[in-house]
Amino acid sequence: MPSGLPYNSGVTHAPAELLIVSSGPGEVSTWAVPMARAAAAWAAARGQPLTLSLVLPPCQFASGQEAAFARRQGLFARVLGPRECLGVVTGLRRLALAGPGCVLHLGGDLWYSSTLAHRAGVPAFAYAETPLVRRRAHRFARIFVPSQDLAERLASAGVRRDQIVTVGDLRVDALSGARPPVRGAHAGVNVALFPGSRRWLVEGFLPFLLQVAGAMRHRRSDVAFSLVASPFLPRDALAAVLDGHRADLDGLGIAVVDGDDLGAAAGADLAISLPGTNTVQLAVLGVPMLVVLPLDHPERIRTEGLSEWIGRIPGLGSAIKRIMVRRFLRHPRAVAWPNRQAGRMIVPEMVGRVDPAAVAARALAMVEDRGALDGMARQLRDLYRTPSGVADRMLDVMAASLAAPGDPRGSRVRAAGAASA
């Protein structure tokens, strides 16, 4: 943990604590970990001791590897998993901070973050990218948002303007140091395949992607493929899934990329991916993509909110999810984050009963129109342009809550935040 001079000469105080609450693979990797890294640097530059902790509430979209991934980063003094989180929010376990501090919501259900802050007696802050935060906005001292458009929408929905702080897109800030997109050395076409970050996703989507790759190679022999492995897949689970498809992987010459996902993506002419946070990462890097969501097996999908838990009831789950899929297909909406945030279709989506041969044909048509690909890349980069220093702007707002004991600014903000929780 970063450390520096004590707050008051000759007096020892417990360091402040920033308690980050996050959820699934995308939120932990592109929000929580980059924020923790920025917070450590921010505190060190101020000569201010700071303890960083991470809480992972229950989340149906989690991979189960978030805690292990977070610990490997060497940033957090403690990592509380879903079981420990439930213990705290239900009052069965005490959450004590040795010094001043605050909670920062970076993904998952807002209720957990506000309740954790209430239990710890500290203010809560939230970073949000959808208007849904308005439902619990009164429980947070400040709401950080990526755009002025969202700020206006929240204000129009009744959130106090003095609560809303426009800071920019935290994910863009985290990816600012990634290498720029550069064509690889391969003379033909480079296609990056993203099978997902959870084992159940990979087991279902990898065979589909291999069929797509086979159909593409059949029509065009100079296509090179890379399969980008998520760091949230346990390596033994990844090996087991890959071994089951070794003949196809070797036959198609597909290179498995493990540990350099951004580098692999940046060098690709096209990515084929499920919807998810990686579509934002690809967009920031300016990588054209085709987003695919097969819904042939509704029982395999995960849904938001209470519907997922009801859908796990034996005998009811499959029926409920089939109904949800039918409703979605009758009233389709964008599934890729870039399209959702732009309010228009920048990248093509193929959703529903999707045939691998049709995906292959669409992908080949895209790579054969280089001008259109370059235009898509520009639109994606423009969509996610944001001034650097997003994390620092958030930390500056929270600074009073991380202030030294006795600092009147810190006392006032801590009291206000605890009262609002």
Protein backbone atom coordinates (compact mmCIF):
# COMPACT_ATOMS: atom_id res chain seq x y z
CA MET A 1 0.00 0.00 0.00
CA PRO A 2 1.26 3.48 -0.67
CA SER A 3 2.53 5.29 2.34
CA GLY A 4 4.00 8.67 3.13
CA LEU A 5 4.21 11.23 5.91
CA PRO A 6 1.74 10.97 8.79
CA TYR A 7 -1.08 13.46 8.81
CA ASN A 8 0.17 15.30 11.90
CA SER A 9 3.80 15.28 12.88
CA GLY A 10 4.38 13.07 15.87
CA VAL A 11 0.88 11.60 15.79
CA THR A 12 0.13 8.19 14.32
CA HIS A 13 -3.22 7.78 12.60
CA ALA A 14 -4.69 4.78 10.85
CA PRO A 15 -4.59 5.28 7.08
CA ALA A 16 -7.76 6.12 5.23
CA GLU A 17 -9.47 3.26 3.42
CA LEU A 18 -11.08 3.25 0.00
CA LEU A 19 -13.54 0.36 -0.10
CA ILE A 20 -14.29 -0.49 -3.74
CA VAL A 21 -17.41 -2.55 -4.50
CA SER A 22 -17.44 -4.34 -7.85
CA SER A 23 -19.00 -7.40 -9.44
CA GLY A 24 -18.23 -9.38 -12.63
CA PRO A 25 -15.13 -9.79 -14.80
CA GLY A 26 -15.66 -6.64 -16.86
CA GLU A 27 -16.26 -4.36 -13.89
CA VAL A 28 -13.35 -5.76 -11.86
CA SER A 29 -10.84 -5.65 -14.72
CA THR A 30 -11.77 -2.32 -16.34
CA TRP A 31 -13.10 -0.37 -13.36
CA ALA A 32 -12.03 -1.70 -9.96
CA VAL A 33 -8.41 -2.65 -10.65
CA PRO A 34 -7.56 0.47 -12.72
CA MET A 35 -9.20 2.64 -10.05
CA ALA A 36 -7.19 0.94 -7.32
CA ARG A 37 -4.00 1.44 -9.28
CA ALA A 38 -4.82 5.11 -9.85
CA ALA A 39 -5.76 5.57 -6.18
CA ALA A 40 -2.44 4.14 -5.03
CA ALA A 41 -0.57 6.57 -7.29
CA TRP A 42 -2.84 9.47 -6.27
CA ALA A 43 -2.23 8.85 -2.56
CA ALA A 44 1.51 8.39 -3.02
CA ALA A 45 1.75 11.69 -4.89
CA ARG A 46 0.04 13.40 -1.93
CA GLY A 47 2.21 11.65 0.64
CA GLN A 48 -0.96 10.18 2.07
CA PRO A 49 -1.33 6.66 3.48
CA LEU A 50 -4.22 4.81 1.86
CA THR A 51 -5.55 1.29 2.27
CA LEU A 52 -7.41 -0.26 -0.67
CA SER A 53 -10.02 -2.97 -0.19
CA LEU A 54 -12.37 -4.76 -2.57
CA VAL A 55 -15.82 -6.21 -1.89
CA LEU A 56 -17.45 -8.59 -4.36
CA PRO A 57 -21.22 -8.93 -3.79
CA PRO A 58 -23.20 -11.88 -5.17
CA CYS A 59 -23.62 -11.50 -8.94
CA GLN A 60 -25.16 -13.90 -11.44
CA PHE A 61 -22.72 -12.70 -14.09
CA ALA A 62 -19.61 -13.37 -12.01
CA SER A 63 -17.06 -15.95 -13.12
CA GLY A 64 -16.07 -17.01 -9.62
CA GLN A 65 -12.49 -15.93 -10.31
CA GLU A 66 -12.83 -12.22 -9.52
CA ALA A 67 -11.30 -12.52 -6.03
CA ALA A 68 -8.31 -14.52 -7.26
CA PHE A 69 -7.77 -12.08 -10.13
CA ALA A 70 -7.92 -9.10 -7.77
CA ARG A 71 -5.48 -10.63 -5.31
CA ARG A 72 -2.97 -11.29 -8.08
CA GLN A 73 -2.79 -7.55 -8.75
CA GLY A 74 -1.15 -6.91 -5.38
CA LEU A 75 -3.23 -3.77 -4.79
CA PHE A 76 -5.77 -4.71 -2.14
CA ALA A 77 -5.17 -5.12 1.58
CA ARG A 78 -8.28 -7.28 1.78
CA VAL A 79 -10.72 -8.83 -0.66
CA LEU A 80 -14.17 -9.84 0.59
CA GLY A 81 -16.03 -12.36 -1.55
CA PRO A 82 -19.80 -12.81 -1.92
CA ARG A 83 -20.17 -14.83 1.28
CA GLU A 84 -18.35 -12.22 3.37
CA CYS A 85 -20.32 -9.45 1.70
CA LEU A 86 -23.61 -11.11 2.57
CA GLY A 87 -22.42 -11.46 6.16
CA VAL A 88 -21.81 -7.71 6.38
CA VAL A 89 -25.03 -6.50 4.72
CA THR A 90 -27.13 -8.83 6.87
CA GLY A 91 -25.40 -7.66 10.05
CA LEU A 92 -23.87 -11.06 10.82
CA ARG A 93 -20.37 -9.76 10.22
CA ARG A 94 -18.84 -6.44 11.24
CA LEU A 95 -17.12 -4.24 8.66
CA ALA A 96 -14.68 -2.03 10.52
CA LEU A 97 -12.45 0.64 9.02
CA ALA A 98 -9.43 1.54 11.13
CA GLY A 99 -9.46 5.15 9.94
CA PRO A 100 -11.51 7.47 7.75
CA GLY A 101 -12.77 6.22 4.41
CA CYS A 102 -15.57 5.78 1.94
CA VAL A 103 -17.25 3.23 -0.32
CA LEU A 104 -17.01 3.51 -4.09
CA HIS A 105 -19.55 1.58 -6.16
CA LEU A 106 -18.04 0.25 -9.40
CA GLY A 107 -20.54 -2.31 -10.61
CA GLY A 108 -23.23 -4.65 -9.37
CA ASP A 109 -26.36 -3.90 -7.36
CA LEU A 110 -26.27 -0.42 -5.82
CA TRP A 111 -28.04 -1.74 -2.73
CA TYR A 112 -24.96 -3.65 -1.62
CA SER A 113 -22.72 -0.58 -1.86
CA SER A 114 -25.09 1.73 0.01
CA THR A 115 -25.71 -0.88 2.70
CA LEU A 116 -22.00 -1.60 3.15
CA ALA A 117 -21.36 2.13 3.57
CA HIS A 118 -24.16 2.35 6.14
CA ARG A 119 -22.74 -0.60 8.09
CA ALA A 120 -19.26 0.92 8.05
CA GLY A 121 -20.51 4.42 8.89
CA VAL A 122 -18.86 6.09 5.91
CA PRO A 123 -20.11 7.95 2.81
CA ALA A 124 -20.91 6.10 -0.40
CA PHE A 125 -20.05 7.24 -3.92
CA ALA A 126 -21.10 5.58 -7.16
CA TYR A 127 -19.86 5.49 -10.73
CA ALA A 128 -22.78 4.77 -13.06
CA GLU A 129 -23.26 4.53 -16.81
CA THR A 130 -27.04 4.04 -16.96
CA PRO A 131 -30.01 6.06 -15.64
CA LEU A 132 -30.97 3.16 -13.31
CA VAL A 133 -28.83 4.73 -10.58
CA ARG A 134 -31.60 7.31 -10.05
CA ARG A 135 -33.54 4.76 -7.97
CA ARG A 136 -30.93 4.79 -5.20
CA ALA A 137 -29.21 8.11 -5.86
CA HIS A 138 -30.36 9.54 -2.49
CA ARG A 139 -28.15 7.01 -0.72
CA PHE A 140 -24.94 8.28 -2.31
CA ALA A 141 -22.96 11.42 -1.58
CA ARG A 142 -22.02 11.84 -5.25
CA ILE A 143 -22.86 10.06 -8.51
CA PHE A 144 -20.00 10.01 -11.04
CA VAL A 145 -21.11 9.71 -14.67
CA PRO A 146 -19.17 9.32 -17.94
CA SER A 147 -21.04 11.93 -19.99
CA GLN A 148 -22.94 15.19 -19.74
CA ASP A 149 -25.82 13.54 -21.59
CA LEU A 150 -26.29 11.03 -18.77
CA ALA A 151 -25.92 13.81 -16.21
CA GLU A 152 -28.81 15.68 -17.85
CA ARG A 153 -30.95 12.57 -18.00
CA LEU A 154 -30.41 11.92 -14.29
CA ALA A 155 -31.16 15.53 -13.42
CA SER A 156 -34.36 15.36 -15.48
CA ALA A 157 -35.30 12.20 -13.56
CA GLY A 158 -35.07 14.03 -10.25
CA VAL A 159 -31.49 13.45 -9.10
CA ARG A 160 -30.07 16.60 -7.50
CA ARG A 161 -27.62 18.36 -9.80
CA ASP A 162 -25.16 18.91 -6.96
CA GLN A 163 -24.96 15.13 -6.57
CA ILE A 164 -23.94 14.50 -10.18
CA VAL A 165 -20.32 14.84 -11.29
CA THR A 166 -19.36 14.30 -14.93
CA VAL A 167 -15.88 12.76 -14.98
CA GLY A 168 -15.57 10.86 -18.27
CA ASP A 169 -15.41 7.15 -19.08
CA LEU A 170 -13.35 5.25 -16.53
CA ARG A 171 -12.72 2.35 -18.93
CA VAL A 172 -11.26 4.65 -21.56
CA ASP A 173 -8.93 6.10 -18.94
CA ALA A 174 -7.79 2.61 -17.97
CA LEU A 175 -7.03 1.68 -21.58
CA SER A 176 -5.21 4.88 -22.46
CA GLY A 177 -1.85 3.19 -22.13
CA ALA A 178 -2.75 0.28 -24.41
CA ARG A 179 -0.84 -0.02 -27.64
CA PRO A 180 -2.51 1.60 -30.66
CA PRO A 181 -4.13 -0.66 -33.25
CA VAL A 182 -1.49 -1.87 -35.70
CA ARG A 183 -1.92 -4.39 -38.48
CA GLY A 184 -0.07 -7.62 -37.71
CA ALA A 185 2.67 -9.13 -39.81
CA HIS A 186 0.28 -11.64 -41.39
CA ALA A 187 -0.23 -10.77 -45.04
CA GLY A 188 -3.88 -11.78 -45.08
CA VAL A 189 -6.65 -11.11 -42.58
CA ASN A 190 -6.34 -11.33 -38.79
CA VAL A 191 -9.51 -12.24 -36.89
CA ALA A 192 -9.65 -12.31 -33.08
CA LEU A 193 -12.20 -14.65 -31.50
CA PHE A 194 -13.55 -13.87 -28.02
CA PRO A 195 -15.32 -16.94 -26.53
CA GLY A 196 -16.25 -15.33 -23.17
CA SER A 197 -14.95 -14.96 -19.63
CA ARG A 198 -16.94 -17.67 -17.84
CA ARG A 199 -16.56 -21.41 -18.32
CA TRP A 200 -20.25 -21.98 -19.09
CA LEU A 201 -20.02 -19.34 -21.82
CA VAL A 202 -16.86 -20.75 -23.35
CA GLU A 203 -18.21 -24.29 -23.36
CA GLY A 204 -21.24 -23.14 -25.31
CA PHE A 205 -19.70 -20.50 -27.59
CA LEU A 206 -16.33 -21.99 -28.50
CA PRO A 207 -17.77 -24.79 -30.70
CA PHE A 208 -19.85 -22.14 -32.48
CA LEU A 209 -16.78 -19.95 -33.10
CA LEU A 210 -14.83 -22.91 -34.40
CA GLN A 211 -17.58 -23.58 -36.94
CA VAL A 212 -17.46 -19.91 -37.96
CA ALA A 213 -13.68 -20.09 -38.35
CA GLY A 214 -13.92 -23.26 -40.41
CA ALA A 215 -16.48 -21.72 -42.75
CA MET A 216 -14.36 -18.58 -43.16
CA ARG A 217 -11.20 -20.57 -43.89
CA HIS A 218 -13.07 -22.70 -46.41
CA ARG A 219 -13.91 -19.58 -48.43
CA ARG A 220 -10.70 -17.66 -47.82
CA SER A 221 -7.42 -19.43 -47.06
CA ASP A 222 -5.44 -16.39 -45.89
CA VAL A 223 -7.48 -15.76 -42.73
CA ALA A 224 -5.47 -16.13 -39.52
CA PHE A 225 -7.29 -16.63 -36.23
CA SER A 226 -6.42 -15.94 -32.61
CA LEU A 227 -8.52 -17.17 -29.72
CA VAL A 228 -8.30 -14.65 -26.87
CA ALA A 229 -8.52 -16.33 -23.45
CA SER A 230 -10.00 -14.33 -20.58
CA PRO A 231 -7.88 -13.97 -17.42
CA PHE A 232 -11.03 -14.85 -15.46
CA LEU A 233 -11.02 -18.41 -16.73
CA PRO A 234 -9.18 -20.79 -14.38
CA ARG A 235 -6.24 -22.15 -16.33
CA ASP A 236 -7.18 -25.77 -15.63
CA ALA A 237 -10.73 -25.11 -16.83
CA LEU A 238 -9.42 -23.36 -19.94
CA ALA A 239 -7.08 -26.27 -20.68
CA ALA A 240 -9.92 -28.76 -20.26
CA VAL A 241 -12.20 -26.86 -22.66
CA LEU A 242 -9.43 -26.37 -25.23
CA ASP A 243 -8.34 -30.02 -25.06
CA GLY A 244 -11.85 -31.04 -26.01
CA HIS A 245 -11.46 -29.08 -29.27
CA ARG A 246 -7.75 -29.57 -29.89
CA ALA A 247 -8.19 -31.19 -33.30
CA ASP A 248 -10.20 -28.24 -34.64
CA LEU A 249 -7.88 -25.66 -33.09
CA ASP A 250 -4.81 -27.30 -34.58
CA GLY A 251 -6.46 -28.00 -37.91
CA LEU A 252 -7.41 -24.35 -38.33
CA GLY A 253 -4.08 -23.12 -36.95
CA ILE A 254 -5.82 -21.04 -34.29
CA ALA A 255 -3.34 -19.41 -31.91
CA VAL A 256 -4.53 -19.29 -28.30
CA VAL A 257 -3.59 -15.93 -26.75
CA ASP A 258 -3.28 -16.10 -22.97
CA GLY A 259 -2.19 -13.01 -21.04
CA ASP A 260 -2.02 -10.39 -23.82
CA ASP A 261 -5.63 -9.87 -24.77
CA LEU A 262 -5.28 -6.18 -25.60
CA GLY A 263 -2.25 -6.79 -27.79
CA ALA A 264 -4.05 -9.54 -29.67
CA ALA A 265 -7.12 -7.37 -30.15
CA ALA A 266 -5.14 -4.31 -31.26
CA GLY A 267 -3.52 -6.25 -34.07
CA ALA A 268 -6.77 -7.68 -35.42
CA ASP A 269 -8.61 -6.60 -38.55
CA LEU A 270 -11.87 -7.85 -37.03
CA ALA A 271 -13.07 -9.28 -33.73
CA ILE A 272 -15.98 -11.69 -33.32
CA SER A 273 -17.38 -11.54 -29.81
CA LEU A 274 -20.30 -12.04 -27.52
CA PRO A 275 -21.79 -8.87 -26.02
CA GLY A 276 -19.97 -7.66 -22.91
CA THR A 277 -17.39 -5.29 -21.53
CA ASN A 278 -14.82 -6.50 -24.04
CA THR A 279 -16.89 -4.75 -26.75
CA VAL A 280 -16.03 -1.47 -25.00
CA GLN A 281 -12.35 -2.42 -24.83
CA LEU A 282 -12.36 -3.23 -28.53
CA ALA A 283 -14.13 0.04 -29.30
CA VAL A 284 -11.59 2.08 -27.32
CA LEU A 285 -8.81 0.40 -29.30
CA GLY A 286 -10.67 1.13 -32.53
CA VAL A 287 -11.04 -2.55 -33.47
CA PRO A 288 -14.00 -3.29 -35.79
CA MET A 289 -16.17 -6.10 -34.51
CA LEU A 290 -19.07 -8.39 -35.23
CA VAL A 291 -21.15 -9.08 -32.11
CA VAL A 292 -22.95 -12.40 -32.00
CA LEU A 293 -25.55 -13.62 -29.49
CA PRO A 294 -26.95 -17.07 -30.27
CA LEU A 295 -30.20 -17.69 -28.40
CA ASP A 296 -30.86 -21.23 -29.58
CA HIS A 297 -30.51 -22.53 -26.02
CA PRO A 298 -32.30 -20.05 -23.72
CA GLU A 299 -31.59 -22.16 -20.63
CA ARG A 300 -27.88 -21.33 -20.95
CA ILE A 301 -28.24 -17.55 -20.78
CA ARG A 302 -27.97 -15.42 -17.65
CA THR A 303 -30.38 -12.56 -17.07
CA GLU A 304 -30.38 -9.45 -14.88
CA GLY A 305 -32.15 -9.03 -11.57
CA LEU A 306 -34.65 -11.36 -9.93
CA SER A 307 -35.45 -13.17 -13.17
CA GLU A 308 -32.14 -15.04 -13.05
CA TRP A 309 -32.76 -16.45 -9.58
CA ILE A 310 -36.34 -17.40 -10.40
CA GLY A 311 -35.05 -18.95 -13.60
CA ARG A 312 -32.90 -21.34 -11.58
CA ILE A 313 -35.91 -23.03 -9.97
CA PRO A 314 -35.95 -26.63 -11.23
CA GLY A 315 -38.70 -27.17 -13.76
CA LEU A 316 -39.34 -23.46 -14.24
CA GLY A 317 -36.02 -22.05 -15.37
CA SER A 318 -36.04 -23.17 -18.99
CA ALA A 319 -39.67 -22.15 -19.53
CA ILE A 320 -39.13 -18.69 -18.02
CA LYS A 321 -36.02 -18.04 -20.10
CA ARG A 322 -37.71 -19.23 -23.31
CA ILE A 323 -40.48 -16.67 -22.65
CA MET A 324 -37.89 -13.96 -22.01
CA VAL A 325 -36.08 -14.77 -25.26
CA ARG A 326 -39.31 -14.66 -27.26
CA ARG A 327 -40.17 -11.27 -25.77
CA PHE A 328 -36.70 -9.95 -26.50
CA LEU A 329 -36.82 -11.08 -30.12
CA ARG A 330 -40.24 -9.46 -30.59
CA HIS A 331 -38.86 -6.16 -29.30
CA PRO A 332 -35.14 -6.30 -30.12
CA ARG A 333 -32.68 -3.75 -28.80
CA ALA A 334 -28.95 -3.27 -29.11
CA VAL A 335 -26.82 -5.73 -27.15
CA ALA A 336 -23.31 -4.41 -27.86
CA TRP A 337 -22.24 -1.64 -25.50
CA PRO A 338 -20.97 0.69 -28.26
CA ASN A 339 -24.35 0.51 -30.01
CA ARG A 340 -26.25 1.00 -26.78
CA GLN A 341 -24.19 4.02 -25.81
CA ALA A 342 -24.29 5.57 -29.28
CA GLY A 343 -28.02 4.98 -29.69
CA ARG A 344 -27.37 3.57 -33.16
CA MET A 345 -25.82 0.55 -34.84
CA ILE A 346 -22.12 1.25 -35.27
CA VAL A 347 -21.13 -2.42 -35.18
CA PRO A 348 -23.29 -5.17 -36.68
CA GLU A 349 -25.11 -7.58 -34.38
CA MET A 350 -26.43 -11.06 -35.13
CA VAL A 351 -28.90 -12.16 -32.46
CA GLY A 352 -31.29 -15.09 -32.13
CA ARG A 353 -31.11 -18.34 -34.09
CA VAL A 354 -27.76 -17.64 -35.69
CA ASP A 355 -26.13 -19.99 -38.19
CA PRO A 356 -22.30 -20.19 -38.07
CA ALA A 357 -22.15 -20.12 -41.88
CA ALA A 358 -24.13 -16.87 -41.92
CA VAL A 359 -21.77 -15.34 -39.34
CA ALA A 360 -18.79 -16.42 -41.46
CA ALA A 361 -20.30 -14.83 -44.56
CA ARG A 362 -21.00 -11.58 -42.70
CA ALA A 363 -17.47 -11.49 -41.24
CA LEU A 364 -15.87 -12.07 -44.65
CA ALA A 365 -18.00 -9.35 -46.21
CA MET A 366 -16.79 -6.97 -43.51
CA VAL A 367 -13.06 -7.68 -43.91
CA GLU A 368 -13.34 -7.40 -47.68
CA ASP A 369 -14.58 -3.80 -47.34
CA ARG A 370 -11.53 -2.13 -45.84
CA GLY A 371 -12.99 1.35 -46.21
CA ALA A 372 -16.05 0.43 -44.14
CA LEU A 373 -13.84 -1.18 -41.49
CA ASP A 374 -11.70 1.94 -41.21
CA GLY A 375 -14.83 4.07 -40.89
CA MET A 376 -16.16 1.81 -38.14
CA ALA A 377 -12.84 2.06 -36.30
CA ARG A 378 -12.99 5.86 -36.40
CA GLN A 379 -16.57 5.94 -35.14
CA LEU A 380 -15.68 3.63 -32.26
CA ARG A 381 -12.71 5.74 -31.19
CA ASP A 382 -14.77 8.93 -31.45
CA LEU A 383 -17.53 7.41 -29.34
CA TYR A 384 -15.15 6.75 -26.47
CA ARG A 385 -13.00 9.85 -26.52
CA THR A 386 -12.60 11.21 -23.01
CA PRO A 387 -10.04 13.47 -21.31
CA SER A 388 -7.42 11.55 -19.36
CA GLY A 389 -7.44 11.56 -15.56
CA VAL A 390 -10.95 10.20 -14.95
CA ALA A 391 -9.91 8.28 -11.83
CA ASP A 392 -8.05 11.29 -10.43
CA ARG A 393 -11.10 13.51 -10.89
CA MET A 394 -13.17 11.01 -8.90
CA LEU A 395 -10.53 10.75 -6.19
CA ASP A 396 -10.32 14.53 -5.87
CA VAL A 397 -14.06 14.63 -5.15
CA MET A 398 -13.71 11.84 -2.56
CA ALA A 399 -10.58 13.38 -1.03
CA ALA A 400 -12.46 14.97 1.87
CA SER A 401 -13.78 11.55 2.88
CA LEU A 402 -10.22 10.23 2.85
CA ALA A 403 -8.91 13.21 4.84
CA ALA A 404 -6.93 13.13 8.04
CA PRO A 405 -8.79 12.82 11.35
CA GLY A 406 -9.64 16.27 12.64
CA ASP A 407 -9.92 17.81 9.18
CA PRO A 408 -13.31 19.62 9.29
CA ARG A 409 -13.90 19.03 5.56
CA GLY A 410 -13.58 15.30 6.05
CA SER A 411 -15.80 15.29 9.13
CA ARG A 412 -18.60 17.16 7.36
CA VAL A 413 -18.56 14.97 4.27
CA ARG A 414 -18.36 11.75 6.28
CA ALA A 415 -21.31 12.82 8.39
CA ALA A 416 -23.36 13.82 5.34
CA GLY A 417 -22.60 10.56 3.57
CA ALA A 418 -23.43 8.42 6.59
CA ALA A 419 -26.72 10.27 7.04
CA SER A 420 -27.71 9.77 3.40
CA ALA A 421 -27.04 6.04 3.67
